[in-house]
Amino acid sequence: MFLSRNSLVKNKSVRTAFAFACFLAAATPVRVVAQSVPIEQQVKDVVSHLVGVMDTSAQATANPGAPNVRMTTCQVKVTNADPSLIRQPSVFLYQEQALSQNLGSPYRQRFLRIAPSLDELSVESRALRPPKPETLINLCDRAEAERVVRQSDLGEVTCSVFLRSEGENYVGQTPSQGCPTNVRGAVRITNTITLHQTGMDTQDRGFDAAGNMVWGAKEQPYQFRWIGK
């Protein structure tokens, strides 16, 4: 059987197109796009990473010069709040830090609002300084139904850390310029946080007006590890 010239040209074109398609399929890597975790779930994950009790006792044992600090965090309910403050999904936490040998005198007390960032690309942990911290000492020891505060109890916003999911961890930091403060000679603080399965690592640092670090983590981050979790 004889093929016309047009049939030969047509068949050749089909074979060429098929070969080119096969080449592209072999040369182009297969890309698997992982489904992103919904921002609502990320908020829940961060809250789960934070709520509970952890301390730096293991680090203090390994390094006698390191302080043994206990961090206690619990969820609270905010009443009489402005809708913009409690936009969903927002979760409010109370957190205090104290030397393990002096738990009745915490040196840091704050509220945290855990919520999606405005662009919903990260989870914002916004810290607020309560105006009457002495009334809140050991708040997490109270029953959940008693952990109710008003918006006026939250105080002023001091700083935010923006956390992003990295595998099973959440990693974040303060804005590059840090946040203003007035604590132990520092006028600016910076922080880098990693939330992981065994607790949290934090590099909390304070700087004076000349840019000198006056307190905070140096070579190693503070290594908080869960107690009974």
N, C-alpha and C. Protein backbone atom coordinates (compact mmCIF):
# COMPACT_ATOMS: atom_id res chain seq x y z
N MET A 1 0.86 -1.18 0.00
CA MET A 1 0.00 0.00 0.00
C MET A 1 0.89 1.22 0.00
N PHE A 2 0.54 2.18 -0.83
CA PHE A 2 1.32 3.40 -0.94
C PHE A 2 0.60 4.52 -0.18
N LEU A 3 1.41 5.36 0.55
CA LEU A 3 0.86 6.52 1.27
C LEU A 3 1.16 7.77 0.48
N SER A 4 0.20 8.65 0.48
CA SER A 4 0.40 9.91 -0.23
C SER A 4 1.40 10.76 0.53
N ARG A 5 1.93 11.72 -0.17
CA ARG A 5 2.90 12.63 0.44
C ARG A 5 2.28 13.35 1.63
N ASN A 6 1.01 13.74 1.50
CA ASN A 6 0.34 14.46 2.59
C ASN A 6 0.22 13.57 3.82
N SER A 7 -0.08 12.27 3.60
CA SER A 7 -0.22 11.34 4.74
C SER A 7 1.11 11.17 5.45
N LEU A 8 2.22 11.10 4.64
CA LEU A 8 3.53 10.95 5.25
C LEU A 8 3.90 12.16 6.10
N VAL A 9 3.61 13.33 5.58
CA VAL A 9 3.89 14.57 6.32
C VAL A 9 3.08 14.62 7.60
N LYS A 10 1.79 14.21 7.49
CA LYS A 10 0.89 14.23 8.65
C LYS A 10 1.39 13.26 9.72
N ASN A 11 1.74 12.04 9.29
CA ASN A 11 2.21 11.06 10.25
C ASN A 11 3.51 11.50 10.93
N LYS A 12 4.39 12.09 10.13
CA LYS A 12 5.65 12.59 10.69
C LYS A 12 5.40 13.67 11.73
N SER A 13 4.43 14.55 11.46
CA SER A 13 4.11 15.62 12.40
C SER A 13 3.56 15.05 13.70
N VAL A 14 2.72 14.03 13.60
CA VAL A 14 2.13 13.40 14.79
C VAL A 14 3.23 12.77 15.64
N ARG A 15 4.17 12.04 14.93
CA ARG A 15 5.26 11.39 15.67
C ARG A 15 6.14 12.41 16.36
N THR A 16 6.39 13.53 15.68
CA THR A 16 7.24 14.58 16.25
C THR A 16 6.59 15.19 17.48
N ALA A 17 5.28 15.49 17.38
CA ALA A 17 4.56 16.08 18.51
C ALA A 17 4.54 15.13 19.70
N PHE A 18 4.34 13.83 19.43
CA PHE A 18 4.30 12.85 20.50
C PHE A 18 5.66 12.74 21.20
N ALA A 19 6.73 12.73 20.38
CA ALA A 19 8.07 12.64 20.95
C ALA A 19 8.39 13.86 21.80
N PHE A 20 7.94 15.04 21.37
CA PHE A 20 8.20 16.28 22.10
C PHE A 20 7.45 16.27 23.43
N ALA A 21 6.22 15.74 23.39
CA ALA A 21 5.43 15.66 24.62
C ALA A 21 6.09 14.72 25.62
N CYS A 22 6.61 13.60 25.12
CA CYS A 22 7.29 12.65 25.99
C CYS A 22 8.55 13.27 26.59
N PHE A 23 9.25 14.08 25.81
CA PHE A 23 10.45 14.74 26.30
C PHE A 23 10.11 15.70 27.44
N LEU A 24 9.03 16.47 27.25
CA LEU A 24 8.63 17.41 28.29
C LEU A 24 8.23 16.68 29.56
N ALA A 25 7.52 15.59 29.41
CA ALA A 25 7.08 14.83 30.58
C ALA A 25 8.26 14.29 31.37
N ALA A 26 9.30 13.88 30.62
CA ALA A 26 10.48 13.33 31.30
C ALA A 26 11.33 14.42 31.91
N ALA A 27 11.38 15.59 31.26
CA ALA A 27 12.27 16.66 31.71
C ALA A 27 11.66 17.51 32.81
N THR A 28 10.33 17.55 32.88
CA THR A 28 9.67 18.40 33.87
C THR A 28 9.47 17.64 35.16
N PRO A 29 10.05 18.09 36.29
CA PRO A 29 9.87 17.36 37.55
C PRO A 29 8.43 17.43 38.01
N VAL A 30 8.01 16.35 38.66
CA VAL A 30 6.65 16.32 39.20
C VAL A 30 6.65 17.11 40.49
N ARG A 31 5.77 18.09 40.60
CA ARG A 31 5.71 18.94 41.78
C ARG A 31 4.46 18.59 42.58
N VAL A 32 4.68 18.21 43.82
CA VAL A 32 3.56 17.91 44.70
C VAL A 32 3.34 19.11 45.60
N VAL A 33 2.21 19.71 45.51
CA VAL A 33 1.90 20.89 46.30
C VAL A 33 1.20 20.45 47.57
N ALA A 34 1.87 20.69 48.69
CA ALA A 34 1.28 20.31 49.96
C ALA A 34 0.12 21.24 50.31
N GLN A 35 -0.94 20.65 50.79
CA GLN A 35 -2.09 21.45 51.17
C GLN A 35 -1.74 22.23 52.43
N SER A 36 -1.91 23.53 52.40
CA SER A 36 -1.56 24.36 53.54
C SER A 36 -2.53 24.12 54.68
N VAL A 37 -2.02 24.29 55.90
CA VAL A 37 -2.86 24.13 57.09
C VAL A 37 -3.72 25.38 57.22
N PRO A 38 -5.03 25.25 57.37
CA PRO A 38 -5.91 26.42 57.52
C PRO A 38 -5.44 27.28 58.68
N ILE A 39 -5.57 28.59 58.54
CA ILE A 39 -5.08 29.51 59.55
C ILE A 39 -5.78 29.29 60.89
N GLU A 40 -7.06 28.87 60.85
CA GLU A 40 -7.78 28.60 62.10
C GLU A 40 -7.11 27.46 62.87
N GLN A 41 -6.66 26.43 62.14
CA GLN A 41 -5.98 25.32 62.79
C GLN A 41 -4.61 25.74 63.31
N GLN A 42 -3.93 26.64 62.59
CA GLN A 42 -2.64 27.12 63.05
C GLN A 42 -2.78 27.87 64.38
N VAL A 43 -3.85 28.65 64.51
CA VAL A 43 -4.09 29.35 65.78
C VAL A 43 -4.25 28.33 66.90
N LYS A 44 -5.03 27.28 66.66
CA LYS A 44 -5.22 26.23 67.67
C LYS A 44 -3.91 25.54 68.01
N ASP A 45 -3.08 25.30 66.99
CA ASP A 45 -1.79 24.65 67.21
C ASP A 45 -0.90 25.49 68.13
N VAL A 46 -0.83 26.79 67.85
CA VAL A 46 0.01 27.68 68.66
C VAL A 46 -0.48 27.71 70.10
N VAL A 47 -1.80 27.80 70.28
CA VAL A 47 -2.37 27.80 71.63
C VAL A 47 -2.01 26.52 72.35
N SER A 48 -2.12 25.38 71.66
CA SER A 48 -1.78 24.09 72.25
C SER A 48 -0.31 24.02 72.65
N HIS A 49 0.56 24.64 71.85
CA HIS A 49 1.99 24.66 72.15
C HIS A 49 2.29 25.50 73.40
N LEU A 50 1.47 26.50 73.67
CA LEU A 50 1.76 27.45 74.75
C LEU A 50 1.12 27.09 76.08
N VAL A 51 -0.11 26.59 76.06
CA VAL A 51 -0.85 26.36 77.30
C VAL A 51 -0.22 25.23 78.11
N GLY A 52 0.02 25.50 79.39
CA GLY A 52 0.61 24.51 80.28
C GLY A 52 1.74 25.12 81.09
N VAL A 53 2.55 24.25 81.67
CA VAL A 53 3.66 24.68 82.53
C VAL A 53 4.95 24.13 81.97
N MET A 54 5.95 24.97 81.85
CA MET A 54 7.28 24.54 81.41
C MET A 54 8.34 25.32 82.18
N ASP A 55 9.53 24.76 82.26
CA ASP A 55 10.60 25.47 82.95
C ASP A 55 11.95 25.20 82.28
N THR A 56 12.98 25.87 82.81
CA THR A 56 14.33 25.74 82.26
C THR A 56 15.22 24.93 83.20
N SER A 57 14.63 24.04 84.00
CA SER A 57 15.40 23.31 85.01
C SER A 57 16.49 22.44 84.37
N ALA A 58 16.20 21.79 83.24
CA ALA A 58 17.21 20.94 82.59
C ALA A 58 18.40 21.78 82.13
N GLN A 59 18.12 22.95 81.58
CA GLN A 59 19.21 23.83 81.14
C GLN A 59 20.01 24.34 82.34
N ALA A 60 19.31 24.66 83.43
CA ALA A 60 19.99 25.15 84.63
C ALA A 60 20.87 24.07 85.25
N THR A 61 20.42 22.82 85.16
CA THR A 61 21.22 21.72 85.70
C THR A 61 22.50 21.53 84.87
N ALA A 62 22.36 21.63 83.55
CA ALA A 62 23.51 21.46 82.66
C ALA A 62 24.45 22.66 82.72
N ASN A 63 23.90 23.82 83.01
CA ASN A 63 24.69 25.05 83.06
C ASN A 63 24.33 25.80 84.34
N PRO A 64 25.11 25.61 85.41
CA PRO A 64 24.78 26.21 86.70
C PRO A 64 24.61 27.73 86.66
N GLY A 65 25.12 28.38 85.65
CA GLY A 65 24.97 29.83 85.55
C GLY A 65 23.65 30.26 84.97
N ALA A 66 22.89 29.31 84.42
CA ALA A 66 21.60 29.65 83.80
C ALA A 66 20.50 29.64 84.86
N PRO A 67 19.54 30.57 84.77
CA PRO A 67 18.46 30.61 85.75
C PRO A 67 17.45 29.49 85.53
N ASN A 68 16.81 29.07 86.61
CA ASN A 68 15.73 28.09 86.54
C ASN A 68 14.42 28.86 86.61
N VAL A 69 13.79 29.00 85.46
CA VAL A 69 12.58 29.83 85.34
C VAL A 69 11.39 28.96 84.99
N ARG A 70 10.26 29.23 85.63
CA ARG A 70 9.03 28.53 85.29
C ARG A 70 8.09 29.47 84.56
N MET A 71 7.51 28.97 83.47
CA MET A 71 6.53 29.73 82.69
C MET A 71 5.19 28.99 82.74
N THR A 72 4.16 29.70 83.15
CA THR A 72 2.83 29.12 83.27
C THR A 72 1.87 29.90 82.38
N THR A 73 1.12 29.18 81.56
CA THR A 73 0.22 29.81 80.59
C THR A 73 -1.13 29.12 80.61
N CYS A 74 -2.20 29.91 80.59
CA CYS A 74 -3.55 29.34 80.57
C CYS A 74 -4.48 30.22 79.75
N GLN A 75 -5.57 29.64 79.33
CA GLN A 75 -6.55 30.37 78.53
C GLN A 75 -7.49 31.14 79.45
N VAL A 76 -7.85 32.36 79.02
CA VAL A 76 -8.78 33.19 79.77
C VAL A 76 -9.90 33.66 78.85
N LYS A 77 -10.98 34.08 79.46
CA LYS A 77 -12.11 34.63 78.71
C LYS A 77 -12.15 36.13 78.94
N VAL A 78 -12.32 36.88 77.86
CA VAL A 78 -12.38 38.34 77.94
C VAL A 78 -13.81 38.79 77.71
N THR A 79 -14.37 39.54 78.66
CA THR A 79 -15.72 40.06 78.53
C THR A 79 -15.68 41.56 78.26
N ASN A 80 -16.78 42.08 77.76
CA ASN A 80 -16.93 43.52 77.51
C ASN A 80 -15.82 44.04 76.60
N ALA A 81 -15.45 43.23 75.61
CA ALA A 81 -14.34 43.60 74.73
C ALA A 81 -14.85 44.16 73.42
N ASP A 82 -14.05 45.04 72.82
CA ASP A 82 -14.36 45.59 71.51
C ASP A 82 -14.32 44.47 70.47
N PRO A 83 -15.30 44.41 69.57
CA PRO A 83 -15.33 43.33 68.57
C PRO A 83 -14.06 43.20 67.75
N SER A 84 -13.40 44.33 67.48
CA SER A 84 -12.17 44.26 66.69
C SER A 84 -11.06 43.55 67.44
N LEU A 85 -11.13 43.55 68.77
CA LEU A 85 -10.10 42.89 69.57
C LEU A 85 -10.30 41.39 69.61
N ILE A 86 -11.55 40.97 69.59
CA ILE A 86 -11.84 39.54 69.75
C ILE A 86 -12.31 38.92 68.44
N ARG A 87 -11.89 39.51 67.32
CA ARG A 87 -12.29 38.94 66.04
C ARG A 87 -11.88 37.48 65.96
N GLN A 88 -12.74 36.69 65.39
CA GLN A 88 -12.49 35.24 65.32
C GLN A 88 -11.56 34.88 64.17
N PRO A 89 -10.71 33.86 64.35
CA PRO A 89 -10.53 33.12 65.60
C PRO A 89 -9.44 33.75 66.47
N SER A 90 -9.81 34.28 67.62
CA SER A 90 -8.84 34.85 68.56
C SER A 90 -8.94 34.10 69.88
N VAL A 91 -7.79 33.83 70.48
CA VAL A 91 -7.74 33.16 71.77
C VAL A 91 -6.87 34.02 72.69
N PHE A 92 -7.35 34.24 73.92
CA PHE A 92 -6.60 35.03 74.89
C PHE A 92 -5.98 34.11 75.94
N LEU A 93 -4.71 34.37 76.23
CA LEU A 93 -3.96 33.61 77.21
C LEU A 93 -3.40 34.55 78.27
N TYR A 94 -3.25 34.03 79.47
CA TYR A 94 -2.49 34.73 80.52
C TYR A 94 -1.21 33.95 80.75
N GLN A 95 -0.11 34.67 80.89
CA GLN A 95 1.20 34.02 81.04
C GLN A 95 2.01 34.74 82.09
N GLU A 96 2.67 33.96 82.95
CA GLU A 96 3.57 34.57 83.91
C GLU A 96 4.85 33.74 84.03
N GLN A 97 5.93 34.45 84.31
CA GLN A 97 7.24 33.82 84.48
C GLN A 97 7.78 34.20 85.85
N ALA A 98 8.36 33.20 86.52
CA ALA A 98 8.94 33.43 87.84
C ALA A 98 10.11 32.49 88.02
N LEU A 99 11.05 32.87 88.87
CA LEU A 99 12.11 31.95 89.25
C LEU A 99 11.47 30.78 89.98
N SER A 100 11.91 29.58 89.68
CA SER A 100 11.27 28.38 90.23
C SER A 100 11.28 28.35 91.76
N GLN A 101 12.25 29.02 92.37
CA GLN A 101 12.31 29.03 93.83
C GLN A 101 11.49 30.17 94.43
N ASN A 102 10.82 30.95 93.58
CA ASN A 102 10.04 32.09 94.08
C ASN A 102 8.81 32.29 93.21
N LEU A 103 7.97 31.26 93.12
CA LEU A 103 6.84 31.29 92.20
C LEU A 103 5.78 32.31 92.59
N GLY A 104 5.76 32.73 93.83
CA GLY A 104 4.76 33.71 94.27
C GLY A 104 5.08 35.13 93.86
N SER A 105 6.26 35.33 93.26
CA SER A 105 6.66 36.69 92.85
C SER A 105 7.13 36.68 91.40
N PRO A 106 6.19 36.55 90.47
CA PRO A 106 6.59 36.53 89.05
C PRO A 106 7.21 37.85 88.63
N TYR A 107 8.24 37.75 87.79
CA TYR A 107 8.88 38.97 87.29
C TYR A 107 8.32 39.40 85.94
N ARG A 108 7.51 38.56 85.32
CA ARG A 108 6.86 38.94 84.06
C ARG A 108 5.44 38.40 84.04
N GLN A 109 4.49 39.29 83.78
CA GLN A 109 3.08 38.90 83.66
C GLN A 109 2.52 39.60 82.43
N ARG A 110 1.79 38.86 81.64
CA ARG A 110 1.23 39.46 80.43
C ARG A 110 0.07 38.63 79.91
N PHE A 111 -0.73 39.30 79.10
CA PHE A 111 -1.76 38.61 78.34
C PHE A 111 -1.26 38.46 76.91
N LEU A 112 -1.70 37.41 76.25
CA LEU A 112 -1.37 37.17 74.85
C LEU A 112 -2.66 37.00 74.07
N ARG A 113 -2.76 37.70 72.96
CA ARG A 113 -3.86 37.44 72.04
C ARG A 113 -3.30 36.68 70.85
N ILE A 114 -3.75 35.44 70.67
CA ILE A 114 -3.30 34.59 69.58
C ILE A 114 -4.35 34.65 68.48
N ALA A 115 -3.96 35.14 67.31
CA ALA A 115 -4.92 35.35 66.22
C ALA A 115 -4.18 35.37 64.89
N PRO A 116 -4.90 35.18 63.78
CA PRO A 116 -4.25 35.30 62.48
C PRO A 116 -3.70 36.71 62.27
N SER A 117 -2.55 36.82 61.61
CA SER A 117 -2.06 38.14 61.22
C SER A 117 -3.03 38.74 60.20
N LEU A 118 -2.92 40.02 59.98
CA LEU A 118 -3.85 40.70 59.07
C LEU A 118 -3.83 40.10 57.67
N ASP A 119 -2.65 39.65 57.21
CA ASP A 119 -2.56 39.04 55.88
C ASP A 119 -2.85 37.54 55.91
N GLU A 120 -3.09 37.01 57.12
CA GLU A 120 -3.41 35.59 57.32
C GLU A 120 -2.32 34.64 56.81
N LEU A 121 -1.09 35.13 56.80
CA LEU A 121 0.04 34.30 56.40
C LEU A 121 0.82 33.77 57.60
N SER A 122 0.47 34.24 58.79
CA SER A 122 1.14 33.80 60.00
C SER A 122 0.19 33.96 61.17
N VAL A 123 0.63 33.48 62.33
CA VAL A 123 -0.14 33.63 63.56
C VAL A 123 0.53 34.70 64.41
N GLU A 124 -0.24 35.71 64.80
CA GLU A 124 0.30 36.79 65.62
C GLU A 124 0.08 36.49 67.10
N SER A 125 1.16 36.55 67.87
CA SER A 125 1.07 36.49 69.32
C SER A 125 1.30 37.91 69.82
N ARG A 126 0.22 38.57 70.19
CA ARG A 126 0.31 39.98 70.61
C ARG A 126 0.33 40.05 72.13
N ALA A 127 1.36 40.65 72.70
CA ALA A 127 1.51 40.74 74.15
C ALA A 127 0.92 42.05 74.66
N LEU A 128 0.24 41.96 75.80
CA LEU A 128 -0.33 43.13 76.45
C LEU A 128 0.11 43.14 77.92
N ARG A 129 0.43 44.34 78.44
CA ARG A 129 0.90 44.48 79.81
C ARG A 129 -0.26 44.90 80.71
N PRO A 130 -0.67 44.06 81.66
CA PRO A 130 -1.80 44.40 82.52
C PRO A 130 -1.45 45.56 83.46
N PRO A 131 -2.40 46.47 83.71
CA PRO A 131 -2.13 47.62 84.58
C PRO A 131 -2.03 47.25 86.06
N LYS A 132 -2.66 46.14 86.47
CA LYS A 132 -2.62 45.72 87.87
C LYS A 132 -2.17 44.26 87.96
N PRO A 133 -0.92 44.00 87.66
CA PRO A 133 -0.45 42.61 87.61
C PRO A 133 -0.54 41.89 88.95
N GLU A 134 -0.45 42.64 90.04
CA GLU A 134 -0.46 42.00 91.35
C GLU A 134 -1.78 41.28 91.63
N THR A 135 -2.86 41.69 90.96
CA THR A 135 -4.15 41.03 91.17
C THR A 135 -4.28 39.73 90.37
N LEU A 136 -3.30 39.46 89.52
CA LEU A 136 -3.38 38.31 88.62
C LEU A 136 -2.42 37.17 88.99
N ILE A 137 -1.61 37.37 90.02
CA ILE A 137 -0.61 36.35 90.37
C ILE A 137 -1.29 35.00 90.61
N ASN A 138 -0.74 33.97 89.98
CA ASN A 138 -1.26 32.60 90.07
C ASN A 138 -2.69 32.47 89.52
N LEU A 139 -3.02 33.31 88.55
CA LEU A 139 -4.34 33.24 87.92
C LEU A 139 -4.61 31.85 87.35
N CYS A 140 -3.59 31.21 86.83
CA CYS A 140 -3.78 29.90 86.18
C CYS A 140 -4.10 28.80 87.19
N ASP A 141 -3.93 29.08 88.48
CA ASP A 141 -4.30 28.10 89.49
C ASP A 141 -5.82 28.07 89.71
N ARG A 142 -6.51 29.09 89.24
CA ARG A 142 -7.96 29.16 89.43
C ARG A 142 -8.67 28.26 88.42
N ALA A 143 -9.89 27.89 88.74
CA ALA A 143 -10.70 27.10 87.82
C ALA A 143 -10.95 27.90 86.54
N GLU A 144 -11.11 27.20 85.44
CA GLU A 144 -11.28 27.88 84.16
C GLU A 144 -12.44 28.87 84.18
N ALA A 145 -13.53 28.52 84.86
CA ALA A 145 -14.70 29.39 84.92
C ALA A 145 -14.41 30.70 85.65
N GLU A 146 -13.36 30.71 86.47
CA GLU A 146 -13.01 31.91 87.23
C GLU A 146 -11.96 32.76 86.52
N ARG A 147 -11.43 32.25 85.41
CA ARG A 147 -10.41 33.01 84.67
C ARG A 147 -11.08 33.91 83.65
N VAL A 148 -11.79 34.90 84.16
CA VAL A 148 -12.54 35.85 83.33
C VAL A 148 -12.02 37.25 83.62
N VAL A 149 -11.66 37.97 82.57
CA VAL A 149 -11.14 39.34 82.70
C VAL A 149 -11.89 40.27 81.76
N ARG A 150 -11.81 41.56 82.05
CA ARG A 150 -12.41 42.58 81.19
C ARG A 150 -11.33 43.16 80.28
N GLN A 151 -11.75 43.83 79.23
CA GLN A 151 -10.77 44.42 78.31
C GLN A 151 -9.85 45.39 79.03
N SER A 152 -10.37 46.12 80.00
CA SER A 152 -9.55 47.08 80.74
C SER A 152 -8.45 46.40 81.55
N ASP A 153 -8.64 45.09 81.85
CA ASP A 153 -7.62 44.35 82.60
C ASP A 153 -6.42 43.98 81.73
N LEU A 154 -6.62 43.99 80.39
CA LEU A 154 -5.58 43.53 79.49
C LEU A 154 -4.40 44.50 79.42
N GLY A 155 -4.69 45.80 79.49
CA GLY A 155 -3.63 46.79 79.43
C GLY A 155 -3.22 47.14 78.01
N GLU A 156 -2.04 47.71 77.88
CA GLU A 156 -1.57 48.21 76.59
C GLU A 156 -0.77 47.17 75.84
N VAL A 157 -0.82 47.28 74.51
CA VAL A 157 -0.04 46.38 73.66
C VAL A 157 1.44 46.73 73.77
N THR A 158 2.27 45.71 73.94
CA THR A 158 3.71 45.95 74.07
C THR A 158 4.51 45.43 72.89
N CYS A 159 4.11 44.30 72.32
CA CYS A 159 4.91 43.72 71.24
C CYS A 159 4.13 42.60 70.56
N SER A 160 4.57 42.23 69.37
CA SER A 160 3.98 41.10 68.66
C SER A 160 5.08 40.22 68.09
N VAL A 161 4.81 38.91 68.11
CA VAL A 161 5.67 37.93 67.45
C VAL A 161 4.81 37.24 66.40
N PHE A 162 5.35 37.09 65.20
CA PHE A 162 4.60 36.49 64.10
C PHE A 162 5.18 35.10 63.81
N LEU A 163 4.34 34.09 64.02
CA LEU A 163 4.77 32.70 63.95
C LEU A 163 4.30 32.04 62.67
N ARG A 164 5.20 31.27 62.06
CA ARG A 164 4.87 30.51 60.86
C ARG A 164 5.13 29.03 61.09
N SER A 165 4.32 28.21 60.45
CA SER A 165 4.46 26.77 60.57
C SER A 165 5.67 26.29 59.80
N GLU A 166 6.52 25.49 60.46
CA GLU A 166 7.67 24.85 59.83
C GLU A 166 7.67 23.39 60.27
N GLY A 167 7.05 22.55 59.47
CA GLY A 167 6.90 21.15 59.85
C GLY A 167 5.96 21.05 61.04
N GLU A 168 6.42 20.42 62.13
CA GLU A 168 5.63 20.31 63.34
C GLU A 168 5.87 21.47 64.29
N ASN A 169 6.77 22.37 63.92
CA ASN A 169 7.12 23.50 64.79
C ASN A 169 6.49 24.80 64.30
N TYR A 170 6.52 25.80 65.18
CA TYR A 170 6.16 27.16 64.80
C TYR A 170 7.31 28.07 65.18
N VAL A 171 7.77 28.85 64.22
CA VAL A 171 8.94 29.70 64.41
C VAL A 171 8.56 31.14 64.08
N GLY A 172 8.99 32.07 64.92
CA GLY A 172 8.65 33.47 64.67
C GLY A 172 9.57 34.42 65.40
N GLN A 173 9.38 35.69 65.12
CA GLN A 173 10.20 36.71 65.75
C GLN A 173 9.45 38.03 65.79
N THR A 174 10.00 38.94 66.57
CA THR A 174 9.46 40.29 66.63
C THR A 174 9.80 41.01 65.32
N PRO A 175 9.18 42.17 65.05
CA PRO A 175 9.61 42.96 63.89
C PRO A 175 11.10 43.25 63.95
N SER A 176 11.72 43.49 62.80
CA SER A 176 13.18 43.63 62.73
C SER A 176 13.71 44.73 63.63
N GLN A 177 12.93 45.78 63.84
CA GLN A 177 13.37 46.89 64.68
C GLN A 177 13.14 46.62 66.16
N GLY A 178 12.51 45.49 66.48
CA GLY A 178 12.21 45.18 67.87
C GLY A 178 10.97 45.91 68.34
N CYS A 179 10.78 45.92 69.64
CA CYS A 179 9.62 46.58 70.25
C CYS A 179 10.09 47.47 71.40
N PRO A 180 9.45 48.63 71.59
CA PRO A 180 9.85 49.52 72.69
C PRO A 180 9.54 48.90 74.04
N THR A 181 10.39 49.21 75.03
CA THR A 181 10.18 48.70 76.37
C THR A 181 10.84 49.63 77.37
N ASN A 182 10.63 49.33 78.63
CA ASN A 182 11.29 50.08 79.71
C ASN A 182 11.52 49.10 80.86
N VAL A 183 12.34 48.09 80.58
CA VAL A 183 12.56 47.01 81.53
C VAL A 183 14.05 46.84 81.79
N ARG A 184 14.47 46.98 83.02
CA ARG A 184 15.85 46.72 83.46
C ARG A 184 16.89 47.40 82.56
N GLY A 185 16.67 48.66 82.25
CA GLY A 185 17.63 49.44 81.48
C GLY A 185 17.51 49.31 79.98
N ALA A 186 16.62 48.49 79.50
CA ALA A 186 16.43 48.31 78.06
C ALA A 186 15.33 49.24 77.55
N VAL A 187 15.55 49.75 76.34
CA VAL A 187 14.52 50.59 75.69
C VAL A 187 13.94 49.88 74.47
N ARG A 188 14.55 48.74 74.11
CA ARG A 188 14.08 47.98 72.94
C ARG A 188 14.34 46.50 73.20
N ILE A 189 13.36 45.67 72.81
CA ILE A 189 13.54 44.23 72.96
C ILE A 189 13.34 43.54 71.61
N THR A 190 14.04 42.43 71.46
CA THR A 190 13.83 41.56 70.30
C THR A 190 13.64 40.14 70.82
N ASN A 191 12.99 39.32 70.03
CA ASN A 191 12.78 37.95 70.46
C ASN A 191 12.62 37.05 69.24
N THR A 192 13.19 35.87 69.33
CA THR A 192 12.98 34.81 68.34
C THR A 192 12.49 33.58 69.09
N ILE A 193 11.40 33.00 68.63
CA ILE A 193 10.74 31.91 69.35
C ILE A 193 10.59 30.69 68.45
N THR A 194 10.84 29.52 69.02
CA THR A 194 10.55 28.26 68.35
C THR A 194 9.68 27.42 69.27
N LEU A 195 8.47 27.11 68.82
CA LEU A 195 7.58 26.23 69.57
C LEU A 195 7.73 24.83 68.98
N HIS A 196 8.03 23.86 69.82
CA HIS A 196 8.24 22.50 69.32
C HIS A 196 7.60 21.49 70.26
N GLN A 197 7.80 20.21 69.97
CA GLN A 197 7.08 19.15 70.68
C GLN A 197 7.48 19.03 72.15
N THR A 198 8.67 19.46 72.51
CA THR A 198 9.11 19.33 73.90
C THR A 198 9.04 20.64 74.68
N GLY A 199 8.61 21.72 74.04
CA GLY A 199 8.50 22.99 74.75
C GLY A 199 8.73 24.18 73.84
N MET A 200 9.61 25.07 74.29
CA MET A 200 9.83 26.31 73.56
C MET A 200 11.26 26.80 73.79
N ASP A 201 11.89 27.29 72.73
CA ASP A 201 13.18 27.97 72.82
C ASP A 201 12.93 29.44 72.51
N THR A 202 13.49 30.32 73.34
CA THR A 202 13.26 31.75 73.13
C THR A 202 14.55 32.53 73.33
N GLN A 203 14.80 33.48 72.45
CA GLN A 203 15.97 34.35 72.54
C GLN A 203 15.51 35.77 72.81
N ASP A 204 15.14 35.99 74.04
CA ASP A 204 14.63 37.27 74.50
C ASP A 204 15.81 38.17 74.85
N ARG A 205 15.89 39.36 74.23
CA ARG A 205 17.03 40.24 74.46
C ARG A 205 16.59 41.69 74.61
N GLY A 206 17.25 42.40 75.55
CA GLY A 206 16.97 43.82 75.75
C GLY A 206 18.18 44.67 75.40
N PHE A 207 17.93 45.82 74.76
CA PHE A 207 19.01 46.71 74.32
C PHE A 207 18.79 48.12 74.87
N ASP A 208 19.89 48.79 75.22
CA ASP A 208 19.78 50.17 75.70
C ASP A 208 19.74 51.14 74.53
N ALA A 209 19.70 52.43 74.85
CA ALA A 209 19.55 53.46 73.81
C ALA A 209 20.74 53.48 72.86
N ALA A 210 21.89 53.00 73.31
CA ALA A 210 23.09 52.98 72.45
C ALA A 210 23.17 51.71 71.62
N GLY A 211 22.20 50.81 71.77
CA GLY A 211 22.20 49.57 71.00
C GLY A 211 22.95 48.43 71.65
N ASN A 212 23.37 48.60 72.90
CA ASN A 212 24.09 47.55 73.61
C ASN A 212 23.10 46.59 74.27
N MET A 213 23.37 45.30 74.18
CA MET A 213 22.51 44.33 74.85
C MET A 213 22.77 44.38 76.34
N VAL A 214 21.72 44.62 77.11
CA VAL A 214 21.87 44.75 78.57
C VAL A 214 21.34 43.53 79.32
N TRP A 215 20.55 42.71 78.69
CA TRP A 215 20.12 41.45 79.28
C TRP A 215 19.56 40.54 78.19
N GLY A 216 19.44 39.25 78.53
CA GLY A 216 18.85 38.30 77.59
C GLY A 216 19.77 37.16 77.21
N ALA A 217 19.26 36.33 76.32
CA ALA A 217 19.99 35.14 75.87
C ALA A 217 21.22 35.54 75.06
N LYS A 218 22.32 34.88 75.33
CA LYS A 218 23.56 35.17 74.62
C LYS A 218 23.86 34.05 73.61
N GLU A 219 24.70 33.10 74.02
CA GLU A 219 25.06 32.02 73.08
C GLU A 219 23.90 31.07 72.82
N GLN A 220 23.14 30.76 73.86
CA GLN A 220 22.05 29.80 73.74
C GLN A 220 20.70 30.45 74.05
N PRO A 221 19.65 29.96 73.43
CA PRO A 221 18.32 30.46 73.80
C PRO A 221 17.91 29.90 75.15
N TYR A 222 16.92 30.53 75.77
CA TYR A 222 16.33 29.94 76.97
C TYR A 222 15.54 28.70 76.52
N GLN A 223 15.79 27.58 77.18
CA GLN A 223 15.21 26.31 76.75
C GLN A 223 14.13 25.87 77.75
N PHE A 224 12.90 26.25 77.46
CA PHE A 224 11.76 25.86 78.30
C PHE A 224 11.27 24.48 77.87
N ARG A 225 11.10 23.59 78.87
CA ARG A 225 10.64 22.24 78.57
C ARG A 225 9.41 21.93 79.42
N TRP A 226 8.49 21.15 78.82
CA TRP A 226 7.22 20.86 79.48
C TRP A 226 7.41 20.14 80.80
N ILE A 227 6.52 20.45 81.73
CA ILE A 227 6.42 19.71 82.99
C ILE A 227 5.12 18.93 82.96
N GLY A 228 5.22 17.62 82.95
CA GLY A 228 4.03 16.78 83.00
C GLY A 228 3.12 16.90 81.80
N LYS A 229 3.71 17.03 80.62
CA LYS A 229 2.89 17.11 79.40
C LYS A 229 3.45 16.19 78.34
